[in-house]
Protein backbone atom coordinates (compact mmCIF):
# COMPACT_ATOMS: atom_id res chain seq x y z
CA MET A 1 0.00 0.00 0.00
CA PHE A 2 1.24 3.46 -0.89
CA THR A 3 0.83 6.29 1.54
CA ARG A 4 0.47 9.92 0.58
CA ARG A 5 4.09 10.49 1.54
CA ASP A 6 5.28 7.60 -0.65
CA ILE A 7 3.69 9.32 -3.62
CA LEU A 8 5.21 12.67 -2.67
CA LYS A 9 8.67 11.10 -2.28
CA SER A 10 8.36 9.46 -5.69
CA THR A 11 7.35 12.75 -7.25
CA ALA A 12 10.26 14.49 -5.58
CA ALA A 13 12.71 11.93 -6.92
CA THR A 14 11.63 12.47 -10.54
CA GLY A 15 11.05 16.19 -10.42
CA ALA A 16 13.32 17.59 -7.74
CA ALA A 17 14.47 20.50 -9.85
CA ALA A 18 10.92 21.63 -10.57
CA LEU A 19 9.95 21.42 -6.91
CA SER A 20 13.04 22.97 -5.36
CA SER A 21 11.65 26.49 -5.57
CA LEU A 22 8.72 25.43 -3.36
CA ALA A 23 10.88 24.21 -0.49
CA THR A 24 11.00 27.52 1.34
CA PRO A 25 9.36 28.73 4.55
CA ALA A 26 5.75 29.81 4.29
CA LEU A 27 6.46 33.31 5.53
CA ALA A 28 9.04 33.84 2.82
CA THR A 29 6.73 32.71 0.02
CA GLY A 30 3.50 34.20 1.37
CA ALA A 31 1.92 30.73 1.49
CA LYS A 32 0.19 29.74 4.69
CA ILE A 33 1.17 26.76 6.81
CA LYS A 34 -1.67 24.24 6.79
CA LEU A 35 -2.54 22.72 10.14
CA GLY A 36 -5.30 20.20 10.75
CA TYR A 37 -7.18 20.31 14.03
CA ILE A 38 -9.59 17.58 15.18
CA SER A 39 -11.65 17.50 18.39
CA PRO A 40 -15.04 16.18 19.60
CA GLN A 41 -17.15 19.27 18.91
CA SER A 42 -20.41 17.32 19.09
CA GLY A 43 -21.63 14.17 20.83
CA PRO A 44 -21.15 13.13 24.47
CA LEU A 45 -17.57 14.47 24.62
CA ALA A 46 -18.41 17.92 23.24
CA ALA A 47 -17.67 19.67 26.55
CA PHE A 48 -13.97 19.10 25.88
CA SER A 49 -14.19 21.43 22.87
CA GLU A 50 -16.07 24.28 24.49
CA ALA A 51 -13.06 26.60 24.20
CA ASP A 52 -12.05 25.66 20.65
CA LYS A 53 -13.43 28.73 18.90
CA PHE A 54 -11.89 31.07 21.46
CA ILE A 55 -8.46 29.47 21.07
CA LEU A 56 -8.67 29.36 17.27
CA ASP A 57 -9.61 33.04 17.14
CA ASN A 58 -6.59 33.86 19.28
CA VAL A 59 -4.29 31.73 17.13
CA ALA A 60 -5.54 33.49 14.00
CA MET A 61 -4.49 36.83 15.50
CA ALA A 62 -1.14 35.61 16.81
CA ARG A 63 -0.16 33.59 13.71
CA PRO A 64 -1.72 34.92 10.50
CA ASP A 65 0.63 32.59 8.60
CA PHE A 66 -1.38 29.59 9.87
CA GLU A 67 -4.34 28.14 8.00
CA VAL A 68 -6.12 25.90 10.51
CA LEU A 69 -8.53 23.39 9.00
CA VAL A 70 -10.95 22.19 11.68
CA LYS A 71 -12.84 18.89 11.79
CA ASP A 72 -15.33 17.43 14.28
CA SER A 73 -14.76 13.83 15.40
CA GLN A 74 -18.38 13.75 16.62
CA SER A 75 -17.08 11.82 19.68
CA ASN A 76 -16.70 8.81 17.39
CA PRO A 77 -13.36 7.00 16.80
CA ASN A 78 -14.28 5.95 13.27
CA ARG A 79 -15.25 9.49 12.37
CA ALA A 80 -12.00 10.78 13.87
CA ALA A 81 -9.95 8.51 11.60
CA GLU A 82 -12.09 9.44 8.61
CA VAL A 83 -11.67 13.20 8.97
CA ALA A 84 -7.94 12.77 9.67
CA LYS A 85 -7.60 11.01 6.31
CA GLU A 86 -9.56 13.81 4.63
CA LEU A 87 -7.29 16.48 6.08
CA ILE A 88 -4.20 14.58 4.95
CA VAL A 89 -5.25 13.39 1.49
CA ASP A 90 -7.72 16.06 0.37
CA ASP A 91 -6.42 19.15 2.16
CA GLY A 92 -2.70 18.42 2.34
CA VAL A 93 -2.13 19.53 5.94
CA GLU A 94 1.51 19.75 6.99
CA MET A 95 0.90 18.96 10.65
CA MET A 96 -2.04 17.49 12.56
CA LEU A 97 -3.22 18.66 15.97
CA VAL A 98 -5.78 16.65 17.92
CA ALA A 99 -7.26 16.72 21.41
CA SER A 100 -9.54 15.13 23.92
CA THR A 101 -9.78 11.50 25.05
CA PRO A 102 -8.28 8.38 23.45
CA GLU A 103 -11.43 7.97 21.36
CA THR A 104 -10.33 11.02 19.36
CA THR A 105 -6.55 11.19 19.76
CA ASN A 106 -5.73 7.55 19.03
CA PRO A 107 -7.41 7.03 15.66
CA VAL A 108 -6.06 10.36 14.44
CA ALA A 109 -2.52 9.64 15.60
CA THR A 110 -2.64 6.14 14.12
CA THR A 111 -3.81 7.52 10.78
CA CYS A 112 -1.05 10.13 10.78
CA GLU A 113 1.58 7.52 11.63
CA LEU A 114 0.44 5.42 8.68
CA GLU A 115 0.41 8.41 6.34
CA GLU A 116 3.72 9.77 7.70
CA ILE A 117 2.24 13.11 8.73
CA PRO A 118 3.52 14.70 11.96
CA CYS A 119 0.84 14.66 14.65
CA LEU A 120 0.69 16.33 18.05
CA SER A 121 -2.01 15.32 20.53
CA THR A 122 -3.09 16.08 24.08
CA VAL A 123 -5.87 15.67 26.68
CA ALA A 124 -5.59 11.90 27.08
CA PRO A 125 -3.47 10.11 29.70
CA TRP A 126 -0.33 8.87 28.03
CA GLN A 127 -0.86 5.15 28.75
CA PRO A 128 -4.17 4.72 26.86
CA TRP A 129 -2.71 6.93 24.11
CA PHE A 130 0.59 5.06 23.68
CA ILE A 131 -0.37 1.51 24.65
CA GLY A 132 -3.78 1.75 22.97
CA GLN A 133 -2.13 2.26 19.58
CA GLN A 134 0.20 -0.72 19.83
CA GLY A 135 -0.42 -3.80 17.70
CA ASN A 136 -0.47 -5.97 20.82
CA PRO A 137 -1.34 -3.82 23.85
CA GLY A 138 -1.02 -6.84 26.16
CA ASP A 139 2.63 -7.55 25.29
CA PRO A 140 5.02 -4.81 26.47
CA ASN A 141 7.91 -6.50 24.69
CA SER A 142 6.23 -5.76 21.35
CA TRP A 143 5.64 -2.06 21.94
CA GLU A 144 7.35 0.27 19.48
CA PRO A 145 7.85 4.05 19.52
CA PHE A 146 6.20 6.17 16.84
CA ASN A 147 7.94 8.14 14.11
CA TYR A 148 5.34 10.85 13.56
CA ALA A 149 2.95 10.81 16.53
CA TYR A 150 3.81 12.86 19.64
CA HIS A 151 1.79 13.59 22.77
CA PHE A 152 1.80 15.72 25.91
CA PHE A 153 -0.27 15.17 29.04
CA TRP A 154 -0.01 13.40 32.40
CA GLY A 155 -0.22 9.67 33.06
CA LEU A 156 -2.14 7.21 35.22
CA GLU A 157 0.69 7.25 37.76
CA ASP A 158 0.02 10.97 38.24
CA ILE A 159 -3.73 10.77 38.68
CA ILE A 160 -3.38 7.81 41.06
CA ALA A 161 -1.00 9.90 43.17
CA VAL A 162 -3.31 12.94 43.07
CA PHE A 163 -6.43 10.97 43.98
CA THR A 164 -4.82 9.04 46.83
CA ASN A 165 -3.21 12.21 48.17
CA MET A 166 -6.68 13.78 48.38
CA TRP A 167 -8.20 10.67 49.96
CA ASN A 168 -5.44 10.49 52.55
CA GLN A 169 -6.51 13.88 53.88
CA LEU A 170 -9.72 12.26 55.19
CA GLU A 171 -10.68 9.39 57.50
CA THR A 172 -12.15 6.58 55.35
CA ASN A 173 -12.42 2.80 55.41
CA LYS A 174 -10.20 2.72 52.29
CA LYS A 175 -12.86 0.84 50.30
CA VAL A 176 -13.03 2.20 46.75
CA GLY A 177 -15.80 1.61 44.21
CA ALA A 178 -14.73 1.68 40.55
CA LEU A 179 -16.82 3.14 37.74
CA TYR A 180 -14.91 2.12 34.61
CA PRO A 181 -16.54 2.17 31.15
CA ASN A 182 -15.64 -0.15 28.31
CA ASP A 183 -13.54 2.39 26.41
CA GLY A 184 -9.91 3.43 26.12
CA ASP A 185 -9.82 5.32 29.40
CA GLY A 186 -11.89 2.86 31.40
CA ASN A 187 -9.89 -0.16 30.30
CA ALA A 188 -6.60 1.63 31.06
CA TRP A 189 -7.73 2.83 34.51
CA GLY A 190 -8.91 -0.67 35.42
CA ASP A 191 -5.90 -2.48 33.94
CA PRO A 192 -4.46 -4.96 36.48
CA VAL A 193 -0.89 -4.06 35.51
CA VAL A 194 -0.69 -0.35 34.63
CA GLY A 195 -3.99 0.91 36.09
CA PHE A 196 -5.44 1.71 39.50
CA PRO A 197 -5.76 -1.85 40.98
CA PRO A 198 -2.09 -2.60 41.81
CA ALA A 199 -1.35 0.96 42.95
CA LEU A 200 -4.34 1.07 45.31
CA THR A 201 -3.56 -2.37 46.74
CA ALA A 202 -0.01 -1.22 47.47
CA GLN A 203 -1.39 1.67 49.52
CA GLY A 204 -3.82 -0.45 51.51
CA TYR A 205 -6.99 0.38 49.55
CA SER A 206 -9.56 -2.25 48.52
CA LEU A 207 -10.96 -1.79 45.01
CA ILE A 208 -14.49 -3.00 44.31
CA ASP A 209 -14.83 -3.23 40.53
CA PRO A 210 -18.27 -4.42 39.27
CA GLY A 211 -16.92 -4.68 35.72
CA ARG A 212 -17.07 -2.60 32.54
CA TYR A 213 -20.26 -0.97 31.31
CA GLN A 214 -21.08 0.54 27.91
CA ASN A 215 -21.00 4.30 27.42
CA LEU A 216 -24.43 5.99 27.47
CA THR A 217 -25.78 3.40 29.90
CA ASP A 218 -29.09 4.49 31.45
CA ASP A 219 -29.20 2.10 34.44
CA PHE A 220 -26.44 1.86 37.07
CA THR A 221 -28.45 -0.21 39.55
CA ALA A 222 -25.90 -3.06 39.53
CA GLN A 223 -22.95 -0.77 40.28
CA ILE A 224 -24.80 1.10 43.01
CA ALA A 225 -25.91 -2.16 44.64
CA ALA A 226 -22.30 -3.42 44.67
CA PHE A 227 -21.03 -0.22 46.27
CA LYS A 228 -23.77 -0.21 48.91
CA SER A 229 -23.21 -3.89 49.69
CA ASP A 230 -19.49 -3.34 50.29
CA ASP A 231 -20.08 -0.12 52.25
CA ILE A 232 -17.56 1.80 50.19
CA ASP A 233 -16.45 5.27 51.30
CA ILE A 234 -14.80 6.31 48.03
CA ILE A 235 -15.98 6.24 44.42
CA THR A 236 -13.60 6.75 41.53
CA GLY A 237 -13.84 6.29 37.79
CA VAL A 238 -13.62 7.84 34.37
CA PRO A 239 -17.16 8.01 32.90
CA ILE A 240 -18.23 10.36 30.14
CA PRO A 241 -20.20 13.40 31.42
CA PRO A 242 -23.78 12.21 30.72
CA ASP A 243 -23.10 8.82 32.31
CA PHE A 244 -21.86 10.27 35.57
CA THR A 245 -24.93 12.52 35.76
CA THR A 246 -27.11 9.43 35.37
CA PHE A 247 -25.10 7.42 37.91
CA TRP A 248 -24.92 10.15 40.56
CA THR A 249 -28.62 10.99 40.25
CA GLN A 250 -29.64 7.33 40.56
CA MET A 251 -27.27 6.82 43.49
CA LYS A 252 -28.76 9.76 45.37
CA GLN A 253 -32.28 8.48 44.62
CA GLN A 254 -31.32 5.15 46.17
CA GLY A 255 -30.18 6.86 49.35
CA PHE A 256 -26.45 6.25 49.10
CA THR A 257 -23.73 8.90 49.42
CA PRO A 258 -20.00 8.12 49.79
CA LYS A 259 -17.56 10.32 51.68
CA VAL A 260 -15.49 10.93 48.54
CA ALA A 261 -16.09 10.83 44.79
CA SER A 262 -12.98 11.50 42.70
CA ILE A 263 -14.00 11.31 39.08
CA GLY A 264 -11.93 11.78 35.94
CA LYS A 265 -13.28 13.14 32.64
CA ALA A 266 -16.95 13.57 33.61
CA ILE A 267 -16.74 16.46 36.07
CA LEU A 268 -13.90 18.46 34.58
CA PHE A 269 -16.33 21.11 33.35
CA PRO A 270 -18.56 23.57 35.23
CA VAL A 271 -21.56 22.73 33.06
CA ALA A 272 -21.30 19.03 34.01
CA VAL A 273 -21.26 19.78 37.74
CA GLU A 274 -24.04 22.36 37.46
CA ALA A 275 -26.24 19.66 35.89
CA LEU A 276 -26.20 17.93 39.30
CA GLY A 277 -27.64 20.95 41.14
CA LYS A 278 -26.64 21.03 44.81
CA ASP A 279 -25.46 17.40 44.60
CA GLY A 280 -22.21 18.41 42.92
CA HIS A 281 -20.76 20.02 46.06
CA ASN A 282 -17.36 18.58 47.05
CA LEU A 283 -17.04 16.24 44.09
CA SER A 284 -13.32 15.98 43.34
CA SER A 285 -11.27 15.54 40.20
CA GLU A 286 -7.85 15.97 38.70
CA VAL A 287 -6.87 19.53 37.76
CA TRP A 288 -4.59 19.78 34.73
CA TRP A 289 -4.88 23.54 34.26
CA SER A 290 -6.45 26.51 36.04
CA PRO A 291 -6.14 30.31 36.20
CA SER A 292 -3.84 29.88 39.22
CA HIS A 293 -1.29 27.74 37.35
CA PRO A 294 1.97 29.76 37.31
CA PHE A 295 2.61 29.48 33.56
CA SER A 296 2.50 31.81 30.56
CA SER A 297 1.96 31.39 26.83
CA SER A 298 4.95 31.29 24.50
CA LEU A 299 2.61 32.41 21.73
CA ASP A 300 1.32 35.71 23.09
CA GLY A 301 2.83 36.05 26.59
CA ARG A 302 -0.45 35.85 28.47
CA SER A 303 -0.57 34.28 31.91
CA SER A 304 -2.93 31.46 32.79
CA ALA A 305 -5.08 33.93 34.69
CA ASN A 306 -5.23 36.29 31.71
CA LEU A 307 -6.10 33.50 29.28
CA ALA A 308 -8.94 32.27 31.50
CA GLU A 309 -10.21 35.82 31.96
CA GLY A 310 -10.10 36.35 28.20
CA PHE A 311 -12.25 33.27 27.66
CA GLU A 312 -14.81 34.38 30.24
CA THR A 313 -14.98 37.88 28.77
CA ALA A 314 -15.33 36.62 25.20
CA THR A 315 -17.91 33.92 25.91
CA GLY A 316 -19.70 34.86 29.13
CA ARG A 317 -18.96 31.34 30.41
CA GLN A 318 -16.76 30.06 33.22
CA TRP A 319 -13.22 28.98 32.37
CA THR A 320 -12.67 25.31 31.61
CA GLN A 321 -9.56 23.14 31.86
CA PRO A 322 -8.99 22.32 28.16
CA ILE A 323 -8.39 26.03 27.42
CA GLY A 324 -4.75 25.74 28.45
CA PHE A 325 -4.01 22.50 26.63
CA ILE A 326 -5.66 23.42 23.33
CA HIS A 327 -3.73 26.69 23.45
CA ALA A 328 -0.51 24.75 24.12
CA LEU A 329 -1.04 22.61 21.01
CA PHE A 330 -0.69 25.72 18.89
CA GLU A 331 2.22 27.01 20.97
CA VAL A 332 4.18 23.88 20.09
CA ALA A 333 3.07 23.99 16.46
CA ALA A 334 4.27 27.59 16.14
CA ASN A 335 7.58 26.84 17.82
CA VAL A 336 8.19 23.77 15.66
CA MET A 337 7.27 25.41 12.37
CA ASP A 338 9.58 28.33 13.16
CA ARG A 339 12.48 25.88 13.51
CA VAL A 340 12.13 24.02 10.18
CA ASP A 341 13.30 25.26 6.80
CA ASP A 342 10.56 23.46 4.90
CA THR A 343 7.24 23.02 6.72
CA SER A 344 6.11 20.47 4.14
CA ASN A 345 8.95 18.13 5.12
CA GLY A 346 7.13 15.80 7.50
CA ASP A 347 10.29 14.06 8.65
CA ALA A 348 11.90 17.37 9.62
CA VAL A 349 8.74 18.59 11.38
CA ALA A 350 8.40 15.32 13.35
CA GLU A 351 12.04 15.51 14.43
CA GLN A 352 11.61 19.09 15.62
CA ILE A 353 8.60 18.08 17.73
CA PHE A 354 10.86 15.61 19.50
CA GLU A 355 13.56 18.29 19.90
CA THR A 356 11.11 20.77 21.47
CA LYS A 357 11.98 22.28 24.85
CA LEU A 358 9.38 24.93 25.47
CA ASP A 359 7.81 26.77 28.40
CA THR A 360 4.07 26.93 27.67
CA ILE A 361 0.77 27.87 29.29
CA VAL A 362 0.63 24.29 30.70
CA GLY A 363 4.24 24.19 31.88
CA ARG A 364 7.54 22.99 30.46
CA LEU A 365 7.19 20.61 27.50
CA GLU A 366 10.16 18.42 26.69
CA TRP A 367 10.24 15.07 24.93
CA GLY A 368 12.81 12.36 25.67
CA SER A 369 12.99 13.08 29.41
CA ASN A 370 13.77 10.56 32.15
CA ASP A 371 10.40 10.68 33.95
CA LEU A 372 8.84 8.14 31.58
CA PRO A 373 9.50 4.47 30.77
CA PRO A 374 12.09 4.14 27.96
CA PHE A 375 9.54 2.76 25.52
CA ALA A 376 7.41 5.94 25.71
CA ALA A 377 10.01 8.62 26.41
CA ARG A 378 10.50 9.63 22.78
CA ASN A 379 6.83 10.22 22.07
CA VAL A 380 5.47 11.63 25.34
CA ALA A 381 6.06 14.82 27.33
CA LYS A 382 4.63 14.94 30.86
CA THR A 383 2.67 17.85 32.34
CA PRO A 384 1.93 18.55 36.05
CA LEU A 385 -1.26 17.47 37.80
CA VAL A 386 -2.96 18.48 41.05
CA GLY A 387 -6.29 17.71 42.72
CA GLY A 388 -9.38 19.86 43.24
CA GLN A 389 -12.93 19.94 44.58
CA TRP A 390 -16.01 21.65 43.24
CA ARG A 391 -17.46 24.03 45.83
CA LEU A 392 -20.95 25.45 45.50
CA LYS A 393 -20.93 29.21 46.03
CA GLY A 394 -24.37 30.73 45.62
CA GLU A 395 -25.73 29.29 42.38
CA SER A 396 -22.40 28.46 40.72
CA TYR A 397 -19.43 26.19 41.35
CA ASP A 398 -15.74 27.00 41.80
CA LEU A 399 -12.99 24.44 41.31
CA VAL A 400 -10.69 24.74 44.35
CA ILE A 401 -7.25 23.13 44.28
CA VAL A 402 -6.99 21.09 47.50
CA ASP A 403 -3.83 19.04 47.00
CA ASN A 404 -0.56 19.96 45.26
CA GLN A 405 1.88 17.37 46.63
CA THR A 406 2.63 16.29 43.06
CA ALA A 407 3.29 19.88 41.88
CA PRO A 408 4.07 22.22 44.80
CA ASN A 409 4.57 25.22 42.49
CA ILE A 410 0.82 25.23 41.78
CA PRO A 411 -0.91 26.91 44.74
CA THR A 412 -3.78 25.36 46.69
CA GLY A 413 -6.94 27.25 47.65
CA GLY A 414 -8.29 24.94 50.36
CA VAL A 415 -8.22 21.45 51.86
CA MET A 416 -10.13 18.27 51.10
CA GLU A 417 -13.66 18.02 52.53
CA GLU A 418 -16.11 15.11 52.80
CA ILE A 419 -19.27 14.95 50.72
CA MET A 420 -22.23 15.58 53.01
């Protein structure tokens, strides 16, 4: 099978002289650099893309030499792969950017790797991103690094540390109920080798896992019954937003409330917590980015606080965590494209992603560092993670950072409290 790049290489070999005049930077020729951007702008994961338009408008002002071609994955992995192929084959993008959960990032990155197009992704823990794309995810000895796909975010080891640090602030029976869906995140979080089970056991926690459920489930009676039967004090999991709303509502209706609920993915966004009314108070989650993070943009110099304020002013909505990471995608793209002589040379662009050492709105990004297993170090850059709780103030919620043991440079605004 021939990829798009195979055809381009063949053309270059037979007509190098004719093409040589095109191999110049976009700014010098007046041509724009084509970037593809894919995210779940509709469907059950749409909350992840709430800030997309705001970020894209800012990028357009900061980098008028960029032409960003945007596609909606519709929260569907097959659709994500399909639109990635369209951007590569039909639109000829020079670099792909993609965000938000393995269901979007993985099929896009896999497509780019096959087509030899440099791809940068974020907003998915690195294990389900890296391991989920391997030919045999169950055999670590078979895992191979990627040539064109690169990623930045935190890992399961970080969220396990953040969650347990929050739990250890309270008196509990250390019984934990797991709410893991049958998707990339849920299977990674519940993995007996790299997921939560071995780490929690090592810290003296008991994990009650009723098994995987399908996304968009409308009945969580079995899970709730298992948690009540085992008298669990802590609930954790990684459901999509509508599923957690269903679960939490049904749990409350059945008269059961744990002391702690630390939930990934579903309650990252104000709108998701507000859907629970007063029942969202003191729900906890990981915090990847906030206005109090002490970082600034390499693209326009704005601080985290200024970027969040800009979003709220422009949209009339409360800041949301993906703002920082979507912005950082374009920071890296700008930095990389400024360091290559020919932006259409995918090999050169991919190599410069790996060579990146950049202070961004989400912190320092550097690939090839020592804080990752050797098999993933080339393709993954880690970002800091802390823990927070949603606090009801009047009719709205604030996300308060309550534990920063994993990143002491990010300030806390309170301490962990039980759900009442």
